[in-house]
PDB file of all heavy atoms in Angstrom:
ATOM      1  N   ILE A   1       0.815  -1.222   0.000  1.00  0.00           N
ATOM      2  CA  ILE A   1       0.000   0.000   0.000  1.00  0.00           C
ATOM      3  C   ILE A   1       0.849   1.272   0.000  1.00  0.00           C
ATOM      4  O   ILE A   1       0.497   2.235  -0.683  1.00  0.00           O
ATOM      5  CB  ILE A   1      -0.983  -0.006   1.186  1.00  0.00           C
ATOM      6  CG1 ILE A   1      -1.873  -1.252   1.138  1.00  0.00           C
ATOM      7  CG2 ILE A   1      -1.826   1.257   1.197  1.00  0.00           C
ATOM      8  CD1 ILE A   1      -2.679  -1.390  -0.117  1.00  0.00           C
ATOM      9  N   PRO A   2       1.939   1.351   0.743  1.00  0.00           N
ATOM     10  CA  PRO A   2       2.721   2.604   0.740  1.00  0.00           C
ATOM     11  C   PRO A   2       3.279   2.978  -0.627  1.00  0.00           C
ATOM     12  O   PRO A   2       3.715   4.116  -0.826  1.00  0.00           O
ATOM     13  CB  PRO A   2       3.865   2.297   1.724  1.00  0.00           C
ATOM     14  CG  PRO A   2       3.297   1.277   2.627  1.00  0.00           C
ATOM     15  CD  PRO A   2       2.439   0.410   1.738  1.00  0.00           C
ATOM     16  N   SER A   3       3.251   2.060  -1.582  1.00  0.00           N
ATOM     17  CA  SER A   3       3.804   2.366  -2.907  1.00  0.00           C
ATOM     18  C   SER A   3       2.825   3.112  -3.800  1.00  0.00           C
ATOM     19  O   SER A   3       3.162   3.464  -4.932  1.00  0.00           O
ATOM     20  CB  SER A   3       4.241   1.073  -3.609  1.00  0.00           C
ATOM     21  OG  SER A   3       3.119   0.282  -3.937  1.00  0.00           O
ATOM     22  N   ILE A   4       1.603   3.359  -3.332  1.00  0.00           N
ATOM     23  CA  ILE A   4       0.617   4.079  -4.130  1.00  0.00           C
ATOM     24  C   ILE A   4       0.204   5.358  -3.412  1.00  0.00           C
ATOM     25  O   ILE A   4       0.221   5.427  -2.194  1.00  0.00           O
ATOM     26  CB  ILE A   4      -0.622   3.212  -4.448  1.00  0.00           C
ATOM     27  CG1 ILE A   4      -1.349   2.805  -3.161  1.00  0.00           C
ATOM     28  CG2 ILE A   4      -0.231   1.990  -5.242  1.00  0.00           C
ATOM     29  CD1 ILE A   4      -2.648   2.062  -3.414  1.00  0.00           C
ATOM     30  N   ASN A   5      -0.158   6.387  -4.190  1.00  0.00           N
ATOM     31  CA  ASN A   5      -0.567   7.639  -3.562  1.00  0.00           C
ATOM     32  C   ASN A   5      -1.874   8.195  -4.112  1.00  0.00           C
ATOM     33  O   ASN A   5      -2.322   9.247  -3.690  1.00  0.00           O
ATOM     34  CB  ASN A   5       0.539   8.694  -3.664  1.00  0.00           C
ATOM     35  CG  ASN A   5       0.826   9.090  -5.095  1.00  0.00           C
ATOM     36  OD1 ASN A   5       0.315   8.489  -6.033  1.00  0.00           O
ATOM     37  ND2 ASN A   5       1.645  10.099  -5.265  1.00  0.00           N
ATOM     38  N   THR A   6      -2.467   7.524  -5.083  1.00  0.00           N
ATOM     39  CA  THR A   6      -3.792   7.916  -5.564  1.00  0.00           C
ATOM     40  C   THR A   6      -4.607   6.665  -5.829  1.00  0.00           C
ATOM     41  O   THR A   6      -4.055   5.605  -6.181  1.00  0.00           O
ATOM     42  CB  THR A   6      -3.745   8.734  -6.871  1.00  0.00           C
ATOM     43  OG1 THR A   6      -3.243   7.899  -7.924  1.00  0.00           O
ATOM     44  CG2 THR A   6      -2.873   9.953  -6.730  1.00  0.00           C
ATOM     45  N   MET A   7      -5.909   6.807  -5.674  1.00  0.00           N
ATOM     46  CA  MET A   7      -6.821   5.742  -6.099  1.00  0.00           C
ATOM     47  C   MET A   7      -8.002   6.396  -6.769  1.00  0.00           C
ATOM     48  O   MET A   7      -8.421   7.494  -6.383  1.00  0.00           O
ATOM     49  CB  MET A   7      -7.263   4.888  -4.922  1.00  0.00           C
ATOM     50  CG  MET A   7      -6.159   3.975  -4.394  1.00  0.00           C
ATOM     51  SD  MET A   7      -6.737   2.797  -3.157  1.00  0.00           S
ATOM     52  CE  MET A   7      -7.739   1.684  -4.144  1.00  0.00           C
ATOM     53  N   GLY A   8      -8.521   5.735  -7.773  1.00  0.00           N
ATOM     54  CA  GLY A   8      -9.618   6.346  -8.503  1.00  0.00           C
ATOM     55  C   GLY A   8     -10.382   5.366  -9.352  1.00  0.00           C
ATOM     56  O   GLY A   8     -10.171   4.152  -9.264  1.00  0.00           O
ATOM     57  N   TRP A   9     -11.262   5.910 -10.164  1.00  0.00           N
ATOM     58  CA  TRP A   9     -12.153   5.122 -10.996  1.00  0.00           C
ATOM     59  C   TRP A   9     -12.132   5.642 -12.432  1.00  0.00           C
ATOM     60  O   TRP A   9     -12.110   6.857 -12.667  1.00  0.00           O
ATOM     61  CB  TRP A   9     -13.581   5.178 -10.457  1.00  0.00           C
ATOM     62  CG  TRP A   9     -13.723   4.558  -9.118  1.00  0.00           C
ATOM     63  CD1 TRP A   9     -13.593   5.162  -7.911  1.00  0.00           C
ATOM     64  CD2 TRP A   9     -14.026   3.185  -8.847  1.00  0.00           C
ATOM     65  NE1 TRP A   9     -13.793   4.252  -6.899  1.00  0.00           N
ATOM     66  CE2 TRP A   9     -14.060   3.033  -7.446  1.00  0.00           C
ATOM     67  CE3 TRP A   9     -14.284   2.061  -9.647  1.00  0.00           C
ATOM     68  CZ2 TRP A   9     -14.337   1.808  -6.829  1.00  0.00           C
ATOM     69  CZ3 TRP A   9     -14.560   0.853  -9.037  1.00  0.00           C
ATOM     70  CH2 TRP A   9     -14.584   0.729  -7.646  1.00  0.00           C
ATOM     71  N   TYR A  10     -12.159   4.701 -13.354  1.00  0.00           N
ATOM     72  CA  TYR A  10     -12.269   4.975 -14.779  1.00  0.00           C
ATOM     73  C   TYR A  10     -13.394   4.101 -15.312  1.00  0.00           C
ATOM     74  O   TYR A  10     -13.807   3.130 -14.681  1.00  0.00           O
ATOM     75  CB  TYR A  10     -10.967   4.632 -15.517  1.00  0.00           C
ATOM     76  CG  TYR A  10      -9.820   5.557 -15.202  1.00  0.00           C
ATOM     77  CD1 TYR A  10      -9.162   5.502 -13.982  1.00  0.00           C
ATOM     78  CD2 TYR A  10      -9.378   6.486 -16.140  1.00  0.00           C
ATOM     79  CE1 TYR A  10      -8.114   6.356 -13.692  1.00  0.00           C
ATOM     80  CE2 TYR A  10      -8.315   7.343 -15.871  1.00  0.00           C
ATOM     81  CZ  TYR A  10      -7.693   7.265 -14.633  1.00  0.00           C
ATOM     82  OH  TYR A  10      -6.648   8.099 -14.355  1.00  0.00           O
ATOM     83  N   ARG A  11     -13.862   4.437 -16.503  1.00  0.00           N
ATOM     84  CA  ARG A  11     -14.857   3.597 -17.161  1.00  0.00           C
ATOM     85  C   ARG A  11     -14.595   3.575 -18.655  1.00  0.00           C
ATOM     86  O   ARG A  11     -13.713   4.251 -19.147  1.00  0.00           O
ATOM     87  CB  ARG A  11     -16.276   4.077 -16.855  1.00  0.00           C
ATOM     88  CG  ARG A  11     -16.592   5.486 -17.338  1.00  0.00           C
ATOM     89  CD  ARG A  11     -17.954   5.923 -16.809  1.00  0.00           C
ATOM     90  NE  ARG A  11     -18.316   7.243 -17.329  1.00  0.00           N
ATOM     91  CZ  ARG A  11     -19.366   7.958 -16.903  1.00  0.00           C
ATOM     92  NH1 ARG A  11     -20.155   7.469 -15.955  1.00  0.00           N
ATOM     93  NH2 ARG A  11     -19.625   9.131 -17.431  1.00  0.00           N
ATOM     94  N   GLN A  12     -15.372   2.788 -19.363  1.00  0.00           N
ATOM     95  CA  GLN A  12     -15.242   2.653 -20.818  1.00  0.00           C
ATOM     96  C   GLN A  12     -13.846   2.162 -21.201  1.00  0.00           C
ATOM     97  O   GLN A  12     -13.062   2.877 -21.817  1.00  0.00           O
ATOM     98  CB  GLN A  12     -15.530   3.973 -21.548  1.00  0.00           C
ATOM     99  CG  GLN A  12     -16.854   4.596 -21.214  1.00  0.00           C
ATOM    100  CD  GLN A  12     -18.049   3.796 -21.703  1.00  0.00           C
ATOM    101  OE1 GLN A  12     -18.046   2.565 -21.718  1.00  0.00           O
ATOM    102  NE2 GLN A  12     -19.099   4.483 -22.081  1.00  0.00           N
ATOM    103  N   ASP A  13     -13.568   0.920 -20.843  1.00  0.00           N
ATOM    104  CA  ASP A  13     -12.287   0.307 -21.184  1.00  0.00           C
ATOM    105  C   ASP A  13     -11.113   1.140 -20.682  1.00  0.00           C
ATOM    106  O   ASP A  13     -10.095   1.255 -21.373  1.00  0.00           O
ATOM    107  CB  ASP A  13     -12.170   0.109 -22.701  1.00  0.00           C
ATOM    108  CG  ASP A  13     -13.187  -0.894 -23.220  1.00  0.00           C
ATOM    109  OD1 ASP A  13     -13.481  -1.851 -22.487  1.00  0.00           O
ATOM    110  OD2 ASP A  13     -13.678  -0.702 -24.338  1.00  0.00           O
ATOM    111  N   GLN A  14     -11.264   1.724 -19.525  1.00  0.00           N
ATOM    112  CA  GLN A  14     -10.199   2.466 -18.867  1.00  0.00           C
ATOM    113  C   GLN A  14      -9.851   3.769 -19.566  1.00  0.00           C
ATOM    114  O   GLN A  14      -8.848   4.413 -19.234  1.00  0.00           O
ATOM    115  CB  GLN A  14      -8.938   1.601 -18.723  1.00  0.00           C
ATOM    116  CG  GLN A  14      -9.211   0.281 -18.027  1.00  0.00           C
ATOM    117  CD  GLN A  14      -8.021  -0.664 -18.074  1.00  0.00           C
ATOM    118  OE1 GLN A  14      -6.971  -0.319 -18.605  1.00  0.00           O
ATOM    119  NE2 GLN A  14      -8.170  -1.838 -17.496  1.00  0.00           N
ATOM    120  N   ARG A  15     -10.675   4.198 -20.507  1.00  0.00           N
ATOM    121  CA  ARG A  15     -10.334   5.399 -21.258  1.00  0.00           C
ATOM    122  C   ARG A  15     -10.908   6.674 -20.660  1.00  0.00           C
ATOM    123  O   ARG A  15     -10.401   7.759 -20.924  1.00  0.00           O
ATOM    124  CB  ARG A  15     -10.820   5.252 -22.697  1.00  0.00           C
ATOM    125  CG  ARG A  15     -10.004   4.287 -23.523  1.00  0.00           C
ATOM    126  CD  ARG A  15     -10.334   4.443 -24.990  1.00  0.00           C
ATOM    127  NE  ARG A  15     -11.673   3.965 -25.290  1.00  0.00           N
ATOM    128  CZ  ARG A  15     -11.941   2.751 -25.763  1.00  0.00           C
ATOM    129  NH1 ARG A  15     -10.964   1.903 -25.954  1.00  0.00           N
ATOM    130  NH2 ARG A  15     -13.172   2.388 -26.038  1.00  0.00           N
ATOM    131  N   GLU A  16     -11.981   6.573 -19.901  1.00  0.00           N
ATOM    132  CA  GLU A  16     -12.643   7.765 -19.380  1.00  0.00           C
ATOM    133  C   GLU A  16     -12.428   7.894 -17.877  1.00  0.00           C
ATOM    134  O   GLU A  16     -12.877   7.053 -17.092  1.00  0.00           O
ATOM    135  CB  GLU A  16     -14.144   7.711 -19.680  1.00  0.00           C
ATOM    136  CG  GLU A  16     -14.882   8.958 -19.211  1.00  0.00           C
ATOM    137  CD  GLU A  16     -16.378   8.891 -19.474  1.00  0.00           C
ATOM    138  OE1 GLU A  16     -16.837   7.904 -20.068  1.00  0.00           O
ATOM    139  OE2 GLU A  16     -17.091   9.830 -19.076  1.00  0.00           O
ATOM    140  N   PHE A  17     -11.789   8.974 -17.492  1.00  0.00           N
ATOM    141  CA  PHE A  17     -11.587   9.266 -16.075  1.00  0.00           C
ATOM    142  C   PHE A  17     -12.931   9.597 -15.432  1.00  0.00           C
ATOM    143  O   PHE A  17     -13.734  10.348 -16.011  1.00  0.00           O
ATOM    144  CB  PHE A  17     -10.609  10.420 -15.927  1.00  0.00           C
ATOM    145  CG  PHE A  17     -10.525  10.984 -14.540  1.00  0.00           C
ATOM    146  CD1 PHE A  17      -9.793  10.334 -13.565  1.00  0.00           C
ATOM    147  CD2 PHE A  17     -11.169  12.160 -14.206  1.00  0.00           C
ATOM    148  CE1 PHE A  17      -9.704  10.842 -12.279  1.00  0.00           C
ATOM    149  CE2 PHE A  17     -11.081  12.682 -12.927  1.00  0.00           C
ATOM    150  CZ  PHE A  17     -10.362  12.022 -11.966  1.00  0.00           C
ATOM    151  N   VAL A  18     -13.146   9.084 -14.228  1.00  0.00           N
ATOM    152  CA  VAL A  18     -14.378   9.374 -13.491  1.00  0.00           C
ATOM    153  C   VAL A  18     -14.065  10.216 -12.252  1.00  0.00           C
ATOM    154  O   VAL A  18     -14.606  11.308 -12.083  1.00  0.00           O
ATOM    155  CB  VAL A  18     -15.100   8.078 -13.091  1.00  0.00           C
ATOM    156  CG1 VAL A  18     -16.327   8.389 -12.242  1.00  0.00           C
ATOM    157  CG2 VAL A  18     -15.502   7.273 -14.317  1.00  0.00           C
ATOM    158  N   ALA A  19     -13.222   9.708 -11.387  1.00  0.00           N
ATOM    159  CA  ALA A  19     -12.892  10.423 -10.147  1.00  0.00           C
ATOM    160  C   ALA A  19     -11.641   9.807  -9.544  1.00  0.00           C
ATOM    161  O   ALA A  19     -11.340   8.639  -9.792  1.00  0.00           O
ATOM    162  CB  ALA A  19     -14.043  10.336  -9.154  1.00  0.00           C
ATOM    163  N   ASN A  20     -10.929  10.615  -8.748  1.00  0.00           N
ATOM    164  CA  ASN A  20      -9.847  10.038  -7.962  1.00  0.00           C
ATOM    165  C   ASN A  20      -9.691  10.784  -6.653  1.00  0.00           C
ATOM    166  O   ASN A  20     -10.277  11.857  -6.447  1.00  0.00           O
ATOM    167  CB  ASN A  20      -8.526   9.952  -8.744  1.00  0.00           C
ATOM    168  CG  ASN A  20      -7.894  11.304  -9.011  1.00  0.00           C
ATOM    169  OD1 ASN A  20      -8.390  12.348  -8.593  1.00  0.00           O
ATOM    170  ND2 ASN A  20      -6.771  11.288  -9.704  1.00  0.00           N
ATOM    171  N   ILE A  21      -8.920  10.170  -5.765  1.00  0.00           N
ATOM    172  CA  ILE A  21      -8.630  10.762  -4.464  1.00  0.00           C
ATOM    173  C   ILE A  21      -7.135  10.602  -4.230  1.00  0.00           C
ATOM    174  O   ILE A  21      -6.568   9.526  -4.422  1.00  0.00           O
ATOM    175  CB  ILE A  21      -9.481  10.124  -3.352  1.00  0.00           C
ATOM    176  CG1 ILE A  21      -9.294  10.865  -2.034  1.00  0.00           C
ATOM    177  CG2 ILE A  21      -9.213   8.629  -3.213  1.00  0.00           C
ATOM    178  CD1 ILE A  21     -10.399  10.544  -1.016  1.00  0.00           C
ATOM    179  N   ILE A  22      -6.519  11.715  -3.867  1.00  0.00           N
ATOM    180  CA  ILE A  22      -5.071  11.761  -3.698  1.00  0.00           C
ATOM    181  C   ILE A  22      -4.750  11.718  -2.208  1.00  0.00           C
ATOM    182  O   ILE A  22      -5.550  12.189  -1.389  1.00  0.00           O
ATOM    183  CB  ILE A  22      -4.513  13.040  -4.343  1.00  0.00           C
ATOM    184  CG1 ILE A  22      -4.890  13.070  -5.830  1.00  0.00           C
ATOM    185  CG2 ILE A  22      -3.010  13.135  -4.174  1.00  0.00           C
ATOM    186  CD1 ILE A  22      -4.596  14.388  -6.506  1.00  0.00           C
ATOM    187  N   ALA A  23      -3.599  11.157  -1.870  1.00  0.00           N
ATOM    188  CA  ALA A  23      -3.175  11.122  -0.477  1.00  0.00           C
ATOM    189  C   ALA A  23      -3.343  12.510   0.143  1.00  0.00           C
ATOM    190  O   ALA A  23      -2.890  13.501  -0.394  1.00  0.00           O
ATOM    191  CB  ALA A  23      -1.716  10.676  -0.392  1.00  0.00           C
ATOM    192  N   GLY A  24      -4.033  12.550   1.271  1.00  0.00           N
ATOM    193  CA  GLY A  24      -4.355  13.833   1.882  1.00  0.00           C
ATOM    194  C   GLY A  24      -5.812  14.184   1.700  1.00  0.00           C
ATOM    195  O   GLY A  24      -6.307  15.137   2.301  1.00  0.00           O
ATOM    196  N   GLY A  25      -6.504  13.425   0.842  1.00  0.00           N
ATOM    197  CA  GLY A  25      -7.941  13.583   0.712  1.00  0.00           C
ATOM    198  C   GLY A  25      -8.423  14.492  -0.397  1.00  0.00           C
ATOM    199  O   GLY A  25      -9.621  14.764  -0.499  1.00  0.00           O
ATOM    200  N   ILE A  26      -7.524  14.968  -1.251  1.00  0.00           N
ATOM    201  CA  ILE A  26      -7.949  15.815  -2.367  1.00  0.00           C
ATOM    202  C   ILE A  26      -8.676  14.960  -3.401  1.00  0.00           C
ATOM    203  O   ILE A  26      -8.188  13.892  -3.783  1.00  0.00           O
ATOM    204  CB  ILE A  26      -6.739  16.505  -3.002  1.00  0.00           C
ATOM    205  CG1 ILE A  26      -6.065  17.420  -1.978  1.00  0.00           C
ATOM    206  CG2 ILE A  26      -7.159  17.299  -4.231  1.00  0.00           C
ATOM    207  CD1 ILE A  26      -4.745  17.987  -2.436  1.00  0.00           C
ATOM    208  N   THR A  27      -9.836  15.436  -3.833  1.00  0.00           N
ATOM    209  CA  THR A  27     -10.640  14.680  -4.788  1.00  0.00           C
ATOM    210  C   THR A  27     -10.770  15.435  -6.112  1.00  0.00           C
ATOM    211  O   THR A  27     -10.737  16.667  -6.147  1.00  0.00           O
ATOM    212  CB  THR A  27     -12.043  14.394  -4.242  1.00  0.00           C
ATOM    213  OG1 THR A  27     -12.671  15.641  -3.916  1.00  0.00           O
ATOM    214  CG2 THR A  27     -11.974  13.540  -2.989  1.00  0.00           C
ATOM    215  N   ASN A  28     -10.911  14.665  -7.176  1.00  0.00           N
ATOM    216  CA  ASN A  28     -11.108  15.217  -8.510  1.00  0.00           C
ATOM    217  C   ASN A  28     -12.218  14.443  -9.201  1.00  0.00           C
ATOM    218  O   ASN A  28     -12.331  13.220  -9.006  1.00  0.00           O
ATOM    219  CB  ASN A  28      -9.828  15.102  -9.339  1.00  0.00           C
ATOM    220  CG  ASN A  28      -8.664  15.849  -8.733  1.00  0.00           C
ATOM    221  OD1 ASN A  28      -8.611  17.068  -8.752  1.00  0.00           O
ATOM    222  ND2 ASN A  28      -7.724  15.111  -8.144  1.00  0.00           N
ATOM    223  N   TYR A  29     -13.009  15.131 -10.022  1.00  0.00           N
ATOM    224  CA  TYR A  29     -14.128  14.499 -10.704  1.00  0.00           C
ATOM    225  C   TYR A  29     -14.181  14.932 -12.165  1.00  0.00           C
ATOM    226  O   TYR A  29     -13.847  16.078 -12.497  1.00  0.00           O
ATOM    227  CB  TYR A  29     -15.457  14.891 -10.046  1.00  0.00           C
ATOM    228  CG  TYR A  29     -15.606  14.423  -8.623  1.00  0.00           C
ATOM    229  CD1 TYR A  29     -15.249  15.241  -7.565  1.00  0.00           C
ATOM    230  CD2 TYR A  29     -16.109  13.157  -8.351  1.00  0.00           C
ATOM    231  CE1 TYR A  29     -15.380  14.817  -6.251  1.00  0.00           C
ATOM    232  CE2 TYR A  29     -16.254  12.718  -7.041  1.00  0.00           C
ATOM    233  CZ  TYR A  29     -15.885  13.552  -6.003  1.00  0.00           C
ATOM    234  OH  TYR A  29     -16.014  13.120  -4.712  1.00  0.00           O
ATOM    235  N   ALA A  30     -14.652  14.021 -13.005  1.00  0.00           N
ATOM    236  CA  ALA A  30     -14.982  14.404 -14.364  1.00  0.00           C
ATOM    237  C   ALA A  30     -16.213  15.302 -14.333  1.00  0.00           C
ATOM    238  O   ALA A  30     -17.081  15.155 -13.470  1.00  0.00           O
ATOM    239  CB  ALA A  30     -15.275  13.158 -15.195  1.00  0.00           C
ATOM    240  N   ASP A  31     -16.291  16.238 -15.270  1.00  0.00           N
ATOM    241  CA  ASP A  31     -17.434  17.154 -15.305  1.00  0.00           C
ATOM    242  C   ASP A  31     -18.755  16.408 -15.421  1.00  0.00           C
ATOM    243  O   ASP A  31     -19.780  16.836 -14.886  1.00  0.00           O
ATOM    244  CB  ASP A  31     -17.291  18.119 -16.490  1.00  0.00           C
ATOM    245  CG  ASP A  31     -16.208  19.160 -16.258  1.00  0.00           C
ATOM    246  OD1 ASP A  31     -15.774  19.329 -15.087  1.00  0.00           O
ATOM    247  OD2 ASP A  31     -15.771  19.790 -17.235  1.00  0.00           O
ATOM    248  N   SER A  32     -18.734  15.280 -16.099  1.00  0.00           N
ATOM    249  CA  SER A  32     -19.962  14.527 -16.350  1.00  0.00           C
ATOM    250  C   SER A  32     -20.561  13.906 -15.088  1.00  0.00           C
ATOM    251  O   SER A  32     -21.731  13.512 -15.093  1.00  0.00           O
ATOM    252  CB  SER A  32     -19.709  13.435 -17.385  1.00  0.00           C
ATOM    253  OG  SER A  32     -18.697  12.556 -16.927  1.00  0.00           O
ATOM    254  N   VAL A  33     -19.778  13.809 -14.026  1.00  0.00           N
ATOM    255  CA  VAL A  33     -20.281  13.165 -12.805  1.00  0.00           C
ATOM    256  C   VAL A  33     -20.298  14.106 -11.602  1.00  0.00           C
ATOM    257  O   VAL A  33     -20.794  13.732 -10.530  1.00  0.00           O
ATOM    258  CB  VAL A  33     -19.471  11.905 -12.450  1.00  0.00           C
ATOM    259  CG1 VAL A  33     -19.418  10.953 -13.639  1.00  0.00           C
ATOM    260  CG2 VAL A  33     -18.074  12.235 -11.972  1.00  0.00           C
ATOM    261  N   LYS A  34     -19.780  15.314 -11.751  1.00  0.00           N
ATOM    262  CA  LYS A  34     -19.752  16.251 -10.634  1.00  0.00           C
ATOM    263  C   LYS A  34     -21.147  16.504 -10.098  1.00  0.00           C
ATOM    264  O   LYS A  34     -22.099  16.706 -10.859  1.00  0.00           O
ATOM    265  CB  LYS A  34     -19.127  17.584 -11.069  1.00  0.00           C
ATOM    266  CG  LYS A  34     -17.621  17.601 -11.068  1.00  0.00           C
ATOM    267  CD  LYS A  34     -17.099  18.964 -11.499  1.00  0.00           C
ATOM    268  CE  LYS A  34     -15.583  18.963 -11.568  1.00  0.00           C
ATOM    269  NZ  LYS A  34     -15.059  20.246 -12.090  1.00  0.00           N
ATOM    270  N   GLY A  35     -21.285  16.479  -8.778  1.00  0.00           N
ATOM    271  CA  GLY A  35     -22.567  16.703  -8.154  1.00  0.00           C
ATOM    272  C   GLY A  35     -23.415  15.451  -8.030  1.00  0.00           C
ATOM    273  O   GLY A  35     -24.432  15.452  -7.315  1.00  0.00           O
ATOM    274  N   ARG A  36     -23.013  14.378  -8.714  1.00  0.00           N
ATOM    275  CA  ARG A  36     -23.768  13.118  -8.642  1.00  0.00           C
ATOM    276  C   ARG A  36     -22.956  12.001  -7.991  1.00  0.00           C
ATOM    277  O   ARG A  36     -23.513  11.151  -7.299  1.00  0.00           O
ATOM    278  CB  ARG A  36     -24.195  12.679 -10.040  1.00  0.00           C
ATOM    279  CG  ARG A  36     -25.073  13.673 -10.768  1.00  0.00           C
ATOM    280  CD  ARG A  36     -25.613  13.092 -12.076  1.00  0.00           C
ATOM    281  NE  ARG A  36     -24.566  12.756 -13.020  1.00  0.00           N
ATOM    282  CZ  ARG A  36     -24.390  11.536 -13.531  1.00  0.00           C
ATOM    283  NH1 ARG A  36     -25.186  10.539 -13.182  1.00  0.00           N
ATOM    284  NH2 ARG A  36     -23.413  11.306 -14.402  1.00  0.00           N
ATOM    285  N   PHE A  37     -21.669  11.983  -8.247  1.00  0.00           N
ATOM    286  CA  PHE A  37     -20.809  10.934  -7.711  1.00  0.00           C
ATOM    287  C   PHE A  37     -19.926  11.512  -6.602  1.00  0.00           C
ATOM    288  O   PHE A  37     -19.499  12.664  -6.677  1.00  0.00           O
ATOM    289  CB  PHE A  37     -19.894  10.362  -8.798  1.00  0.00           C
ATOM    290  CG  PHE A  37     -20.577   9.571  -9.871  1.00  0.00           C
ATOM    291  CD1 PHE A  37     -21.957   9.531  -9.998  1.00  0.00           C
ATOM    292  CD2 PHE A  37     -19.818   8.853 -10.790  1.00  0.00           C
ATOM    293  CE1 PHE A  37     -22.584   8.793 -10.996  1.00  0.00           C
ATOM    294  CE2 PHE A  37     -20.403   8.119 -11.800  1.00  0.00           C
ATOM    295  CZ  PHE A  37     -21.797   8.095 -11.896  1.00  0.00           C
ATOM    296  N   THR A  38     -19.625  10.673  -5.617  1.00  0.00           N
ATOM    297  CA  THR A  38     -18.729  11.064  -4.538  1.00  0.00           C
ATOM    298  C   THR A  38     -17.726   9.956  -4.285  1.00  0.00           C
ATOM    299  O   THR A  38     -18.122   8.791  -4.085  1.00  0.00           O
ATOM    300  CB  THR A  38     -19.500  11.345  -3.245  1.00  0.00           C
ATOM    301  OG1 THR A  38     -20.479  12.362  -3.487  1.00  0.00           O
ATOM    302  CG2 THR A  38     -18.556  11.810  -2.138  1.00  0.00           C
TER     303      THR A  38
END
């Protein structure tokens, strides 16, 4: 586990970014899911 610093989700054969969370709790979202996904 210490060898990784982000975890996230993709869809559509791994081509479309959905969301991720970076060490420290910073989150990022694709515009298409903002406000709906957490």
